[in-house]
């Protein structure tokens, strides 16, 4: 059986999926892979275009009727949240009526931005790698950055106004749920379980053979510097990526509870995982 799978070209995703998509571990299914930025994957999932995909938790909040979550393969942790950055003269208190660049409407970064204080409304959607240049040039007042941008924003002369992950952790005590792997519920429990197991074993292989995925990661990464790629993996790939566990699940449930209460995502009685 062939399944369609979407994930980003970012190092954490290519690191996790390298073994599975290159035949280095056994799987009872084959994969047709599509590499897209996270917001494109969010929109493809809304169109039901993929059997399996990496997705922002914000987007998953809109898709729980048709998709369920895998326990392996996601991005959830501490100290890894999105950052709001600007030129040094800009202050957070002055942004309420200013344009902020965001990496996608359905990104978890934007969801956290909207959950912070009263939220922000003057938004401009841009591909994540375009945000820092736009802030540095003055095209937008501030930018919400994700991925390896959190390591490189000082190179653009920018400063951090707000760490939304730090805010979330202080507010809730939970780790930060950024993105997960979802599967069509119509695939059925047995196949979804096999996929989840294969993703976990792919990560186990990557941890055991960390250098084998380097060429694959470099070929797809926006940031080609290997040092930055390794920092990216160290930050975003952690024990929660192997299994969400009770703490990870509690963080996701709290995020959805708060988003539902603010009317940002629709309410749903579907379980996170296939039941």
Protein backbone atom coordinates (compact mmCIF):
# COMPACT_ATOMS: atom_id res chain seq x y z
CA UNK A 1 0.00 0.00 0.00
CA UNK A 2 1.28 3.45 -0.89
CA UNK A 3 0.51 6.41 1.34
CA UNK A 4 1.10 10.10 0.69
CA UNK A 5 3.24 11.81 3.31
CA UNK A 6 4.03 15.49 3.67
CA UNK A 7 6.69 17.03 5.87
CA UNK A 8 8.80 20.16 5.85
CA UNK A 9 12.36 20.51 4.53
CA UNK A 10 13.45 21.62 8.00
CA UNK A 11 16.22 19.56 9.63
CA UNK A 12 14.07 18.15 12.42
CA UNK A 13 11.64 16.59 9.92
CA UNK A 14 14.25 15.34 7.46
CA UNK A 15 16.24 13.89 10.39
CA UNK A 16 13.21 12.02 11.74
CA UNK A 17 11.94 10.69 8.40
CA UNK A 18 15.25 9.95 6.65
CA UNK A 19 15.44 6.27 7.60
CA UNK A 20 11.78 5.58 6.86
CA UNK A 21 11.79 7.27 3.46
CA UNK A 22 15.13 5.79 2.39
CA UNK A 23 14.38 2.14 3.11
CA UNK A 24 16.70 1.91 6.13
CA UNK A 25 13.97 0.39 8.30
CA UNK A 26 11.28 -2.13 7.41
CA UNK A 27 7.73 -0.90 6.78
CA UNK A 28 4.63 -2.67 5.47
CA UNK A 29 3.72 0.31 3.28
CA UNK A 30 5.43 2.62 0.80
CA UNK A 31 5.43 6.40 0.86
CA UNK A 32 5.05 9.13 -1.71
CA UNK A 33 6.80 12.09 -0.08
CA UNK A 34 6.02 15.76 -0.53
CA UNK A 35 8.28 18.44 0.98
CA UNK A 36 6.51 21.73 1.70
CA UNK A 37 6.72 24.53 4.22
CA UNK A 38 4.52 24.07 7.25
CA UNK A 39 1.75 26.45 6.18
CA UNK A 40 1.47 24.75 2.78
CA UNK A 41 1.15 21.43 4.61
CA UNK A 42 -1.54 22.95 6.83
CA UNK A 43 -3.53 24.02 3.77
CA UNK A 44 -3.02 20.67 2.01
CA UNK A 45 -4.41 18.91 5.07
CA UNK A 46 -7.44 21.21 5.04
CA UNK A 47 -7.99 20.04 1.47
CA UNK A 48 -7.63 16.40 2.60
CA UNK A 49 -4.83 16.06 0.03
CA UNK A 50 -2.49 13.88 2.13
CA UNK A 51 -2.85 10.61 4.00
CA UNK A 52 -0.16 11.54 6.50
CA UNK A 53 1.41 14.89 7.19
CA UNK A 54 3.35 17.06 9.57
CA UNK A 55 1.01 19.80 10.69
CA UNK A 56 0.81 22.74 13.04
CA UNK A 57 -1.30 22.02 16.11
CA UNK A 58 -3.28 25.14 15.23
CA UNK A 59 -4.28 23.56 11.92
CA UNK A 60 -4.95 20.19 13.53
CA UNK A 61 -7.44 21.93 15.79
CA UNK A 62 -9.57 22.51 12.67
CA UNK A 63 -9.18 18.96 11.34
CA UNK A 64 -9.93 16.63 14.23
CA UNK A 65 -13.05 15.20 12.62
CA UNK A 66 -11.07 13.65 9.75
CA UNK A 67 -7.52 13.26 11.07
CA UNK A 68 -6.00 11.80 14.22
CA UNK A 69 -2.63 12.34 15.84
CA UNK A 70 0.39 10.03 15.90
CA UNK A 71 2.41 9.71 19.08
CA UNK A 72 5.75 9.87 17.24
CA UNK A 73 7.40 12.37 14.92
CA UNK A 74 6.22 15.71 16.25
CA UNK A 75 7.80 18.89 17.61
CA UNK A 76 7.02 19.60 21.25
CA UNK A 77 9.37 20.69 23.97
CA UNK A 78 10.73 23.45 26.16
CA UNK A 79 12.71 26.51 25.13
CA UNK A 80 11.70 26.05 21.49
CA UNK A 81 8.82 28.47 21.00
CA UNK A 82 8.35 31.11 18.30
CA UNK A 83 9.92 34.52 18.81
CA UNK A 84 8.56 37.97 18.01
CA UNK A 85 11.48 40.07 16.72
CA UNK A 86 11.89 43.66 15.55
CA UNK A 87 14.43 46.41 15.02
CA UNK A 88 15.96 47.70 18.28
CA UNK A 89 13.85 50.88 18.48
CA UNK A 90 10.52 48.99 18.37
CA UNK A 91 8.65 48.21 21.59
CA UNK A 92 6.14 45.41 22.15
CA UNK A 93 3.57 47.84 23.57
CA UNK A 94 3.52 49.75 20.29
CA UNK A 95 2.63 46.84 18.03
CA UNK A 96 -1.13 46.69 18.53
CA UNK A 97 -1.83 48.65 15.35
CA UNK A 98 1.35 47.77 13.43
CA UNK A 99 1.89 45.08 10.81
CA UNK A 100 3.43 41.84 12.04
CA UNK A 101 4.71 39.24 9.59
CA UNK A 102 3.70 35.68 10.47
CA UNK A 103 4.72 32.36 8.88
CA UNK A 104 1.13 31.28 8.21
CA UNK A 105 -2.43 31.79 9.40
CA UNK A 106 -2.72 28.24 10.73
CA UNK A 107 0.71 27.97 12.32
CA UNK A 108 0.92 27.28 16.03
CA UNK A 109 3.14 30.35 16.19
CA UNK A 110 0.18 32.49 15.16
CA UNK A 111 -2.13 30.64 17.56
CA UNK A 112 0.21 31.43 20.46
CA UNK A 113 0.43 35.05 19.29
CA UNK A 114 -3.37 35.31 19.34
CA UNK A 115 -3.61 33.65 22.76
CA UNK A 116 -1.10 36.14 24.19
CA UNK A 117 -2.81 39.15 25.76
CA UNK A 118 -5.63 40.27 23.44
CA UNK A 119 -3.96 38.99 20.30
CA UNK A 120 -2.82 40.92 17.24
CA UNK A 121 -4.82 41.69 14.10
CA UNK A 122 -2.52 43.50 11.65
CA UNK A 123 -0.90 40.41 10.16
CA UNK A 124 0.95 39.73 6.92
CA UNK A 125 1.53 36.13 5.92
CA UNK A 126 5.02 35.42 4.56
CA UNK A 127 7.20 32.37 4.02
CA UNK A 128 9.23 31.97 7.20
CA UNK A 129 12.60 32.60 5.54
CA UNK A 130 11.36 35.96 4.18
CA UNK A 131 10.28 37.34 7.54
CA UNK A 132 13.61 38.51 8.97
CA UNK A 133 14.66 40.38 5.82
CA UNK A 134 11.24 42.10 5.78
CA UNK A 135 11.62 43.20 9.40
CA UNK A 136 15.21 44.35 8.83
CA UNK A 137 14.17 46.44 5.81
CA UNK A 138 11.26 48.07 7.67
CA UNK A 139 8.64 46.52 5.37
CA UNK A 140 6.88 45.26 8.52
CA UNK A 141 7.12 46.42 12.11
CA UNK A 142 7.86 43.00 13.59
CA UNK A 143 8.08 39.37 12.63
CA UNK A 144 7.08 36.08 14.19
CA UNK A 145 9.93 33.66 13.54
CA UNK A 146 10.18 29.88 13.78
CA UNK A 147 12.58 27.06 12.94
CA UNK A 148 16.29 27.90 12.64
CA UNK A 149 15.46 31.62 12.43
CA UNK A 150 15.60 31.72 16.22
CA UNK A 151 19.36 31.11 15.94
CA UNK A 152 20.08 33.64 13.19
CA UNK A 153 17.90 36.72 13.83
CA UNK A 154 20.77 38.71 15.48
CA UNK A 155 22.59 38.48 12.14
CA UNK A 156 19.86 40.77 10.74
CA UNK A 157 20.31 43.37 13.50
CA UNK A 158 17.05 42.34 15.15
CA UNK A 159 16.14 41.95 18.82
CA UNK A 160 13.70 39.67 20.60
CA UNK A 161 10.56 41.38 21.87
CA UNK A 162 8.71 38.29 23.07
CA UNK A 163 9.44 34.59 23.43
CA UNK A 164 5.99 33.00 23.07
CA UNK A 165 7.27 29.63 24.20
CA UNK A 166 8.65 31.16 27.38
CA UNK A 167 5.30 32.89 27.92
CA UNK A 168 3.38 29.64 27.32
CA UNK A 169 5.55 27.67 29.73
CA UNK A 170 5.21 30.31 32.47
CA UNK A 171 1.45 30.60 31.87
CA UNK A 172 0.63 26.88 31.80
CA UNK A 173 3.61 24.91 33.08
CA UNK A 174 3.38 22.77 29.95
CA UNK A 175 5.95 22.18 27.23
CA UNK A 176 5.21 23.93 23.94
CA UNK A 177 3.18 21.93 21.39
CA UNK A 178 4.28 23.16 17.97
CA UNK A 179 3.54 20.49 15.40
CA UNK A 180 2.61 16.84 15.11
CA UNK A 181 2.10 14.07 12.58
CA UNK A 182 -1.50 13.33 11.67
CA UNK A 183 -3.15 10.50 9.74
CA UNK A 184 -6.51 10.17 8.06
CA UNK A 185 -8.89 8.44 10.44
CA UNK A 186 -10.22 6.54 7.41
CA UNK A 187 -6.92 4.60 7.21
CA UNK A 188 -8.11 2.57 10.17
CA UNK A 189 -6.60 1.75 13.52
CA UNK A 190 -4.30 -1.10 12.43
CA UNK A 191 -2.58 0.81 9.62
CA UNK A 192 -2.28 3.99 11.68
CA UNK A 193 -0.63 2.00 14.46
CA UNK A 194 1.87 0.52 11.98
CA UNK A 195 2.68 3.97 10.63
CA UNK A 196 3.17 5.37 14.12
CA UNK A 197 5.49 2.49 14.98
CA UNK A 198 7.51 3.01 11.78
CA UNK A 199 7.95 6.74 12.45
CA UNK A 200 9.22 5.98 15.93
CA UNK A 201 11.66 3.38 14.62
CA UNK A 202 12.85 5.86 11.99
CA UNK A 203 13.75 8.30 14.75
CA UNK A 204 15.46 5.54 16.73
CA UNK A 205 17.60 4.83 13.66
CA UNK A 206 18.42 8.53 13.25
CA UNK A 207 19.56 8.81 16.86
CA UNK A 208 21.69 5.67 16.48
CA UNK A 209 23.23 6.87 13.19
CA UNK A 210 23.13 10.70 13.43
CA UNK A 211 25.51 11.38 10.54
CA UNK A 212 23.70 9.30 7.93
CA UNK A 213 20.98 11.91 7.34
CA UNK A 214 23.35 14.87 6.98
CA UNK A 215 23.41 14.99 3.17
CA UNK A 216 19.62 14.64 3.03
CA UNK A 217 19.09 17.40 5.58
CA UNK A 218 21.56 19.72 3.88
CA UNK A 219 19.93 19.22 0.48
CA UNK A 220 16.58 20.44 1.82
CA UNK A 221 17.42 22.94 4.56
CA UNK A 222 16.98 26.66 4.05
CA UNK A 223 19.93 27.17 6.39
CA UNK A 224 22.86 25.18 5.00
CA UNK A 225 25.26 25.67 7.92
CA UNK A 226 25.68 22.26 9.56
CA UNK A 227 26.22 23.79 12.99
CA UNK A 228 22.84 25.52 12.80
CA UNK A 229 21.20 22.33 11.53
CA UNK A 230 22.56 20.39 14.50
CA UNK A 231 21.36 23.04 16.95
CA UNK A 232 17.97 22.89 15.28
CA UNK A 233 17.78 19.12 15.75
CA UNK A 234 18.97 19.30 19.36
CA UNK A 235 16.20 21.79 20.11
CA UNK A 236 13.26 20.34 18.20
CA UNK A 237 13.95 16.58 18.29
CA UNK A 238 13.67 15.23 21.82
CA UNK A 239 11.94 12.45 23.80
CA UNK A 240 8.53 14.01 23.00
CA UNK A 241 9.34 13.38 19.32
CA UNK A 242 9.56 9.65 20.09
CA UNK A 243 6.38 9.54 22.17
CA UNK A 244 4.23 12.43 23.33
CA UNK A 245 3.55 10.79 26.68
CA UNK A 246 1.18 12.13 29.30
CA UNK A 247 2.90 15.53 29.58
CA UNK A 248 2.81 16.10 25.85
CA UNK A 249 -0.83 15.10 25.59
CA UNK A 250 -1.76 17.41 28.48
CA UNK A 251 -0.03 20.31 26.72
CA UNK A 252 -1.95 19.70 23.48
CA UNK A 253 -5.27 19.36 25.29
CA UNK A 254 -4.68 22.63 27.17
CA UNK A 255 -3.74 24.43 23.94
CA UNK A 256 -6.97 23.25 22.29
CA UNK A 257 -9.04 24.13 25.37
CA UNK A 258 -7.73 27.70 25.35
CA UNK A 259 -8.12 28.04 21.57
CA UNK A 260 -11.70 26.75 21.71
CA UNK A 261 -12.52 29.14 24.57
CA UNK A 262 -11.29 32.08 22.47
CA UNK A 263 -13.23 30.88 19.40
CA UNK A 264 -10.04 30.38 17.38
CA UNK A 265 -10.69 26.71 16.59
CA UNK A 266 -14.00 24.81 16.49
CA UNK A 267 -14.96 22.53 19.35
CA UNK A 268 -14.66 18.79 18.74
CA UNK A 269 -15.41 15.67 20.73
CA UNK A 270 -13.09 13.52 18.63
CA UNK A 271 -10.18 11.96 20.55
CA UNK A 272 -6.67 13.07 19.64
CA UNK A 273 -5.68 9.53 18.73
CA UNK A 274 -7.56 6.86 16.80
CA UNK A 275 -9.97 5.20 19.19
